[in-house]
Every structure is written in structure tokens, then in C-alpha cells.
Amino acid sequence: MNAIKLAALALIVAGVLALGYGGFSYTRETSHARLGPIELSVKDRKTVNIPVWAGAGALVAGVLLLVFGGRRS
């Protein structure tokens, strides 16, 4: 499998996942304090929304790259 087909498949998978889930979230530890035996920490949950046009664009780009990427003129 060459690099063009691999990139095309990665774009297709990323596009389908973006359209299916619409985004992802992660947890980040923002502050940390230790006062003797007491330990304090704050965990902040962030959500990243992926626009529909970005998922559809990745999907279309992957399909076009898969269909037309391997042709030589």
C-alpha cells in the first residue's frame, strides 16, 4: 500500500469519525497544591467540537484522493 492510499484512508476514517462523534473531550489538570499531608488539584474538562464541514471535507478529500490520487498522466 503506497503513501497516497494510506493518506486517503486516514482522511476517510477521520471524516467518518468527525461526522459520527462531532467532537471529543479531554481532562486536564490545571493547578496542583500540596499543603503538608493535604493535596489539592483541579481537573478541567475541555470539549473540542469539530464542524460538520470539516468532517465532510476530510471525507470528500479522502475519497477523491483514493480515486484520483494514484493515476499518472
Foldseek 3Di string as FASTA:
>chain_A
DDPLLVQLVVLQVQLVVCQVPQWDKDKDWDDWDDDDPDIDTDIDMDIDGDDNCSSVVSNVVSVCSNVPVPDDD
